[in-house]
Amino acid sequence: MPTIDLFGRTIGLLQKSMDLRMQNHQAIAANIANVDTPEYRAVHLDFETGLRRALAASRREGSGGEAFASVEARVIRETDPSDLGDHNSVNLDNEMIALAENQMLYDAATQIINRKLGGLRYAIQEGK
């Protein structure tokens, strides 16, 4: 018996995106917290490539939101230290920009999920 996927790819993609953005937030916060730590190498997460691949695969295969469960963030540790004497690779300005961008994309995903669920709620209540 086939299962019914009420949300399709959208909710699965957004849910995984939000999970990964939360991990990204933690990585960026760690970078900011270590801005003055000598020899610290900034960490960045690459997950958008994996999400794009999973989305393309789910479209080809006609699968729903479960296609995104296996997407993981790839940790990239910067190897290029600054020219300062402490050899720290954190650029505070870049990290603050990345933090703001990550937060905006997380908030956007939250709003889209809320609208999807609102539409479902409206349908359940028969438009009342």
N, C-alpha and C. Protein backbone atom coordinates (compact mmCIF):
# COMPACT_ATOMS: atom_id res chain seq x y z
N MET A 1 0.84 -1.18 0.00
CA MET A 1 0.00 0.00 0.00
C MET A 1 0.89 1.25 0.00
N PRO A 2 0.70 2.15 -0.94
CA PRO A 2 1.54 3.34 -1.01
C PRO A 2 1.28 4.28 0.16
N THR A 3 2.35 4.94 0.62
CA THR A 3 2.18 5.91 1.70
C THR A 3 1.86 7.28 1.11
N ILE A 4 1.19 8.07 1.90
CA ILE A 4 0.82 9.42 1.47
C ILE A 4 1.79 10.40 2.13
N ASP A 5 2.46 11.17 1.31
CA ASP A 5 3.38 12.18 1.82
C ASP A 5 2.69 13.53 1.69
N LEU A 6 2.14 14.02 2.81
CA LEU A 6 1.38 15.27 2.78
C LEU A 6 2.22 16.47 2.38
N PHE A 7 3.49 16.43 2.69
CA PHE A 7 4.31 17.62 2.51
C PHE A 7 5.26 17.54 1.33
N GLY A 8 5.49 16.35 0.81
CA GLY A 8 6.39 16.20 -0.32
C GLY A 8 7.81 16.62 0.02
N ARG A 9 8.50 17.09 -0.98
CA ARG A 9 9.90 17.46 -0.82
C ARG A 9 10.09 18.73 -0.02
N THR A 10 9.16 19.64 -0.09
CA THR A 10 9.37 20.97 0.48
C THR A 10 9.65 20.93 1.98
N ILE A 11 8.81 20.27 2.73
CA ILE A 11 9.00 20.23 4.18
C ILE A 11 10.28 19.47 4.52
N GLY A 12 10.54 18.36 3.84
CA GLY A 12 11.77 17.61 4.10
C GLY A 12 13.01 18.44 3.83
N LEU A 13 13.01 19.16 2.73
CA LEU A 13 14.14 20.02 2.38
C LEU A 13 14.31 21.14 3.41
N LEU A 14 13.22 21.78 3.77
CA LEU A 14 13.30 22.89 4.72
C LEU A 14 13.70 22.40 6.11
N GLN A 15 13.18 21.26 6.51
CA GLN A 15 13.53 20.71 7.81
C GLN A 15 15.03 20.41 7.88
N LYS A 16 15.55 19.75 6.87
CA LYS A 16 16.98 19.42 6.85
C LYS A 16 17.82 20.69 6.76
N SER A 17 17.35 21.65 5.98
CA SER A 17 18.06 22.92 5.85
C SER A 17 18.14 23.62 7.21
N MET A 18 17.04 23.60 7.95
CA MET A 18 17.04 24.24 9.26
C MET A 18 17.98 23.52 10.23
N ASP A 19 17.99 22.19 10.19
CA ASP A 19 18.90 21.43 11.04
C ASP A 19 20.35 21.79 10.73
N LEU A 20 20.68 21.84 9.44
CA LEU A 20 22.05 22.14 9.04
C LEU A 20 22.40 23.60 9.32
N ARG A 21 21.45 24.49 9.19
CA ARG A 21 21.71 25.90 9.51
C ARG A 21 21.96 26.09 11.00
N MET A 22 21.30 25.26 11.83
CA MET A 22 21.56 25.32 13.27
C MET A 22 23.00 24.88 13.55
N GLN A 23 23.45 23.82 12.89
CA GLN A 23 24.84 23.38 13.03
C GLN A 23 25.80 24.47 12.55
N ASN A 24 25.43 25.12 11.45
CA ASN A 24 26.24 26.19 10.89
C ASN A 24 26.33 27.36 11.88
N HIS A 25 25.22 27.66 12.52
CA HIS A 25 25.20 28.73 13.52
C HIS A 25 26.19 28.42 14.64
N GLN A 26 26.20 27.17 15.08
CA GLN A 26 27.12 26.77 16.15
C GLN A 26 28.58 26.89 15.71
N ALA A 27 28.87 26.51 14.47
CA ALA A 27 30.23 26.62 13.95
C ALA A 27 30.66 28.08 13.85
N ILE A 28 29.77 28.93 13.36
CA ILE A 28 30.10 30.36 13.24
C ILE A 28 30.30 30.96 14.63
N ALA A 29 29.42 30.60 15.56
CA ALA A 29 29.55 31.12 16.94
C ALA A 29 30.87 30.69 17.56
N ALA A 30 31.29 29.46 17.29
CA ALA A 30 32.59 28.98 17.80
C ALA A 30 33.73 29.79 17.19
N ASN A 31 33.62 30.10 15.91
CA ASN A 31 34.64 30.93 15.26
C ASN A 31 34.73 32.30 15.92
N ILE A 32 33.57 32.90 16.15
CA ILE A 32 33.53 34.23 16.77
C ILE A 32 34.10 34.18 18.18
N ALA A 33 33.75 33.13 18.91
CA ALA A 33 34.23 32.99 20.29
C ALA A 33 35.75 32.82 20.34
N ASN A 34 36.34 32.30 19.28
CA ASN A 34 37.78 32.05 19.25
C ASN A 34 38.56 33.07 18.42
N VAL A 35 37.98 34.21 18.20
CA VAL A 35 38.62 35.22 17.37
C VAL A 35 39.99 35.64 17.93
N ASP A 36 40.17 35.57 19.23
CA ASP A 36 41.43 35.98 19.85
C ASP A 36 42.30 34.79 20.28
N THR A 37 41.92 33.58 19.89
CA THR A 37 42.67 32.38 20.28
C THR A 37 43.82 32.16 19.30
N PRO A 38 45.05 32.18 19.80
CA PRO A 38 46.20 31.96 18.90
C PRO A 38 46.13 30.59 18.24
N GLU A 39 46.52 30.55 16.97
CA GLU A 39 46.58 29.31 16.18
C GLU A 39 45.21 28.71 15.84
N TYR A 40 44.10 29.37 16.21
CA TYR A 40 42.77 28.81 15.92
C TYR A 40 42.48 28.90 14.43
N ARG A 41 41.95 27.84 13.88
CA ARG A 41 41.56 27.79 12.47
C ARG A 41 40.04 27.80 12.39
N ALA A 42 39.50 28.77 11.66
CA ALA A 42 38.05 28.88 11.51
C ALA A 42 37.48 27.63 10.83
N VAL A 43 36.25 27.30 11.22
CA VAL A 43 35.56 26.14 10.67
C VAL A 43 34.35 26.65 9.88
N HIS A 44 34.16 26.09 8.71
CA HIS A 44 32.99 26.42 7.89
C HIS A 44 32.32 25.12 7.49
N LEU A 45 31.00 25.16 7.36
CA LEU A 45 30.26 23.96 6.97
C LEU A 45 29.77 24.11 5.54
N ASP A 46 29.93 23.06 4.76
CA ASP A 46 29.40 23.01 3.40
C ASP A 46 28.30 21.97 3.38
N PHE A 47 27.07 22.44 3.21
CA PHE A 47 25.94 21.52 3.14
C PHE A 47 24.99 21.84 2.00
N GLU A 48 25.09 23.02 1.46
CA GLU A 48 24.17 23.42 0.39
C GLU A 48 24.36 22.58 -0.86
N THR A 49 25.59 22.18 -1.13
CA THR A 49 25.85 21.30 -2.28
C THR A 49 25.12 19.98 -2.10
N GLY A 50 25.20 19.40 -0.91
CA GLY A 50 24.51 18.15 -0.61
C GLY A 50 23.01 18.27 -0.71
N LEU A 51 22.47 19.40 -0.24
CA LEU A 51 21.03 19.61 -0.35
C LEU A 51 20.59 19.71 -1.81
N ARG A 52 21.38 20.41 -2.62
CA ARG A 52 21.05 20.52 -4.06
C ARG A 52 21.06 19.16 -4.73
N ARG A 53 22.06 18.35 -4.42
CA ARG A 53 22.15 17.00 -5.00
C ARG A 53 20.96 16.15 -4.57
N ALA A 54 20.60 16.21 -3.28
CA ALA A 54 19.48 15.43 -2.77
C ALA A 54 18.17 15.89 -3.41
N LEU A 55 18.02 17.19 -3.63
CA LEU A 55 16.82 17.70 -4.28
C LEU A 55 16.73 17.20 -5.72
N ALA A 56 17.85 17.27 -6.44
CA ALA A 56 17.86 16.77 -7.82
C ALA A 56 17.55 15.28 -7.87
N ALA A 57 18.11 14.52 -6.94
CA ALA A 57 17.86 13.08 -6.89
C ALA A 57 16.40 12.79 -6.57
N SER A 58 15.82 13.54 -5.65
CA SER A 58 14.42 13.31 -5.28
C SER A 58 13.49 13.66 -6.44
N ARG A 59 13.86 14.64 -7.23
CA ARG A 59 13.06 14.98 -8.42
C ARG A 59 13.13 13.88 -9.47
N ARG A 60 14.35 13.36 -9.69
CA ARG A 60 14.53 12.27 -10.66
C ARG A 60 13.78 11.02 -10.24
N GLU A 61 13.87 10.69 -8.96
CA GLU A 61 13.29 9.46 -8.46
C GLU A 61 11.83 9.60 -8.05
N GLY A 62 11.36 10.83 -7.97
CA GLY A 62 9.98 11.06 -7.56
C GLY A 62 9.75 10.78 -6.09
N SER A 63 10.81 10.85 -5.29
CA SER A 63 10.67 10.57 -3.86
C SER A 63 10.29 11.84 -3.11
N GLY A 64 9.87 11.66 -1.88
CA GLY A 64 9.44 12.79 -1.06
C GLY A 64 10.56 13.32 -0.18
N GLY A 65 10.16 13.81 1.00
CA GLY A 65 11.09 14.46 1.92
C GLY A 65 12.14 13.57 2.53
N GLU A 66 11.95 12.25 2.48
CA GLU A 66 12.94 11.34 3.09
C GLU A 66 14.27 11.37 2.37
N ALA A 67 14.32 11.91 1.16
CA ALA A 67 15.56 11.95 0.38
C ALA A 67 16.63 12.82 1.03
N PHE A 68 16.24 13.69 1.95
CA PHE A 68 17.18 14.64 2.54
C PHE A 68 17.80 14.15 3.84
N ALA A 69 17.29 13.05 4.37
CA ALA A 69 17.75 12.55 5.67
C ALA A 69 19.25 12.25 5.68
N SER A 70 19.80 11.83 4.57
CA SER A 70 21.20 11.42 4.55
C SER A 70 22.18 12.58 4.30
N VAL A 71 21.69 13.77 4.06
CA VAL A 71 22.57 14.91 3.79
C VAL A 71 23.26 15.33 5.09
N GLU A 72 24.56 15.43 5.03
CA GLU A 72 25.36 15.84 6.18
C GLU A 72 26.21 17.05 5.79
N ALA A 73 26.56 17.83 6.79
CA ALA A 73 27.44 18.97 6.56
C ALA A 73 28.88 18.49 6.48
N ARG A 74 29.60 19.05 5.54
CA ARG A 74 31.03 18.75 5.40
C ARG A 74 31.80 19.87 6.09
N VAL A 75 32.66 19.50 7.02
CA VAL A 75 33.43 20.47 7.80
C VAL A 75 34.68 20.85 7.03
N ILE A 76 34.85 22.15 6.85
CA ILE A 76 36.03 22.69 6.18
C ILE A 76 36.77 23.56 7.18
N ARG A 77 37.98 23.18 7.49
CA ARG A 77 38.81 23.96 8.41
C ARG A 77 39.77 24.81 7.60
N GLU A 78 39.75 26.11 7.85
CA GLU A 78 40.62 27.01 7.11
C GLU A 78 42.08 26.70 7.39
N THR A 79 42.86 26.76 6.36
CA THR A 79 44.28 26.49 6.52
C THR A 79 45.13 27.74 6.42
N ASP A 80 44.53 28.82 5.94
CA ASP A 80 45.28 30.05 5.69
C ASP A 80 45.16 30.99 6.89
N PRO A 81 46.18 31.09 7.73
CA PRO A 81 46.10 31.99 8.88
C PRO A 81 46.24 33.45 8.43
N SER A 82 45.83 34.33 9.32
CA SER A 82 45.96 35.75 9.01
C SER A 82 47.43 36.16 9.05
N ASP A 83 47.68 37.36 8.62
CA ASP A 83 49.06 37.88 8.63
C ASP A 83 49.45 38.39 10.01
N LEU A 84 48.52 38.31 10.95
CA LEU A 84 48.83 38.75 12.30
C LEU A 84 49.75 37.74 12.98
N GLY A 85 50.37 38.13 14.04
CA GLY A 85 51.33 37.28 14.73
C GLY A 85 50.71 36.06 15.40
N ASP A 86 49.38 36.05 15.64
CA ASP A 86 48.79 34.93 16.37
C ASP A 86 48.39 33.76 15.47
N HIS A 87 48.49 33.92 14.17
CA HIS A 87 48.15 32.87 13.20
C HIS A 87 46.72 32.35 13.35
N ASN A 88 45.81 33.22 13.69
CA ASN A 88 44.39 32.89 13.82
C ASN A 88 43.74 33.18 12.47
N SER A 89 42.89 32.28 11.97
CA SER A 89 42.31 32.47 10.65
C SER A 89 40.90 33.07 10.68
N VAL A 90 40.42 33.49 11.84
CA VAL A 90 39.06 34.05 11.95
C VAL A 90 39.07 35.51 11.52
N ASN A 91 38.19 35.84 10.57
CA ASN A 91 37.95 37.22 10.18
C ASN A 91 36.60 37.60 10.77
N LEU A 92 36.61 38.42 11.80
CA LEU A 92 35.39 38.74 12.54
C LEU A 92 34.31 39.34 11.65
N ASP A 93 34.68 40.22 10.73
CA ASP A 93 33.69 40.83 9.83
C ASP A 93 33.00 39.77 8.97
N ASN A 94 33.80 38.87 8.41
CA ASN A 94 33.23 37.81 7.57
C ASN A 94 32.33 36.88 8.38
N GLU A 95 32.73 36.58 9.61
CA GLU A 95 31.93 35.70 10.46
C GLU A 95 30.60 36.35 10.83
N MET A 96 30.61 37.64 11.10
CA MET A 96 29.37 38.34 11.45
C MET A 96 28.42 38.38 10.25
N ILE A 97 28.97 38.58 9.06
CA ILE A 97 28.15 38.55 7.85
C ILE A 97 27.57 37.16 7.64
N ALA A 98 28.40 36.12 7.82
CA ALA A 98 27.93 34.74 7.66
C ALA A 98 26.85 34.41 8.68
N LEU A 99 27.00 34.91 9.90
CA LEU A 99 26.01 34.68 10.95
C LEU A 99 24.67 35.32 10.59
N ALA A 100 24.72 36.56 10.11
CA ALA A 100 23.49 37.26 9.73
C ALA A 100 22.81 36.56 8.55
N GLU A 101 23.59 36.16 7.55
CA GLU A 101 23.03 35.47 6.38
C GLU A 101 22.41 34.14 6.79
N ASN A 102 23.10 33.39 7.62
CA ASN A 102 22.61 32.10 8.09
C ASN A 102 21.29 32.29 8.85
N GLN A 103 21.22 33.31 9.70
CA GLN A 103 20.00 33.57 10.48
C GLN A 103 18.83 33.95 9.57
N MET A 104 19.10 34.76 8.57
CA MET A 104 18.02 35.16 7.65
C MET A 104 17.48 33.95 6.88
N LEU A 105 18.37 33.07 6.43
CA LEU A 105 17.93 31.89 5.70
C LEU A 105 17.19 30.91 6.61
N TYR A 106 17.60 30.81 7.86
CA TYR A 106 16.89 29.97 8.83
C TYR A 106 15.48 30.53 9.05
N ASP A 107 15.39 31.85 9.25
CA ASP A 107 14.09 32.49 9.46
C ASP A 107 13.17 32.33 8.25
N ALA A 108 13.74 32.43 7.06
CA ALA A 108 12.94 32.26 5.84
C ALA A 108 12.38 30.85 5.76
N ALA A 109 13.19 29.85 6.08
CA ALA A 109 12.72 28.47 6.07
C ALA A 109 11.61 28.27 7.09
N THR A 110 11.75 28.89 8.25
CA THR A 110 10.71 28.81 9.29
C THR A 110 9.40 29.40 8.79
N GLN A 111 9.47 30.54 8.13
CA GLN A 111 8.26 31.18 7.61
C GLN A 111 7.59 30.33 6.54
N ILE A 112 8.37 29.72 5.68
CA ILE A 112 7.79 28.88 4.62
C ILE A 112 7.10 27.66 5.23
N ILE A 113 7.73 27.04 6.21
CA ILE A 113 7.11 25.89 6.87
C ILE A 113 5.82 26.32 7.56
N ASN A 114 5.84 27.45 8.24
CA ASN A 114 4.63 27.95 8.90
C ASN A 114 3.49 28.17 7.90
N ARG A 115 3.82 28.68 6.74
CA ARG A 115 2.78 28.90 5.72
C ARG A 115 2.25 27.59 5.17
N LYS A 116 3.14 26.63 4.96
CA LYS A 116 2.70 25.30 4.50
C LYS A 116 1.75 24.67 5.51
N LEU A 117 2.13 24.72 6.77
CA LEU A 117 1.29 24.15 7.82
C LEU A 117 0.00 24.94 7.99
N GLY A 118 0.07 26.24 7.80
CA GLY A 118 -1.14 27.07 7.85
C GLY A 118 -2.11 26.69 6.74
N GLY A 119 -1.58 26.40 5.56
CA GLY A 119 -2.44 25.96 4.46
C GLY A 119 -3.09 24.63 4.75
N LEU A 120 -2.35 23.74 5.36
CA LEU A 120 -2.89 22.44 5.74
C LEU A 120 -3.96 22.61 6.82
N ARG A 121 -3.69 23.45 7.79
CA ARG A 121 -4.67 23.73 8.85
C ARG A 121 -5.95 24.30 8.25
N TYR A 122 -5.82 25.21 7.31
CA TYR A 122 -6.97 25.83 6.63
C TYR A 122 -7.79 24.75 5.90
N ALA A 123 -7.10 23.83 5.24
CA ALA A 123 -7.80 22.76 4.52
C ALA A 123 -8.52 21.82 5.49
N ILE A 124 -7.88 21.52 6.60
CA ILE A 124 -8.50 20.63 7.59
C ILE A 124 -9.76 21.27 8.17
N GLN A 125 -9.71 22.57 8.37
CA GLN A 125 -10.86 23.27 8.94
C GLN A 125 -11.88 23.66 7.88
N GLU A 126 -11.68 23.16 6.68
CA GLU A 126 -12.58 23.40 5.54
C GLU A 126 -12.78 24.90 5.28
N GLY A 127 -11.70 25.64 5.38
CA GLY A 127 -11.72 27.05 5.03
C GLY A 127 -12.31 27.96 6.08
N LYS A 128 -12.49 27.47 7.26
CA LYS A 128 -13.09 28.31 8.33
C LYS A 128 -12.03 29.06 9.07
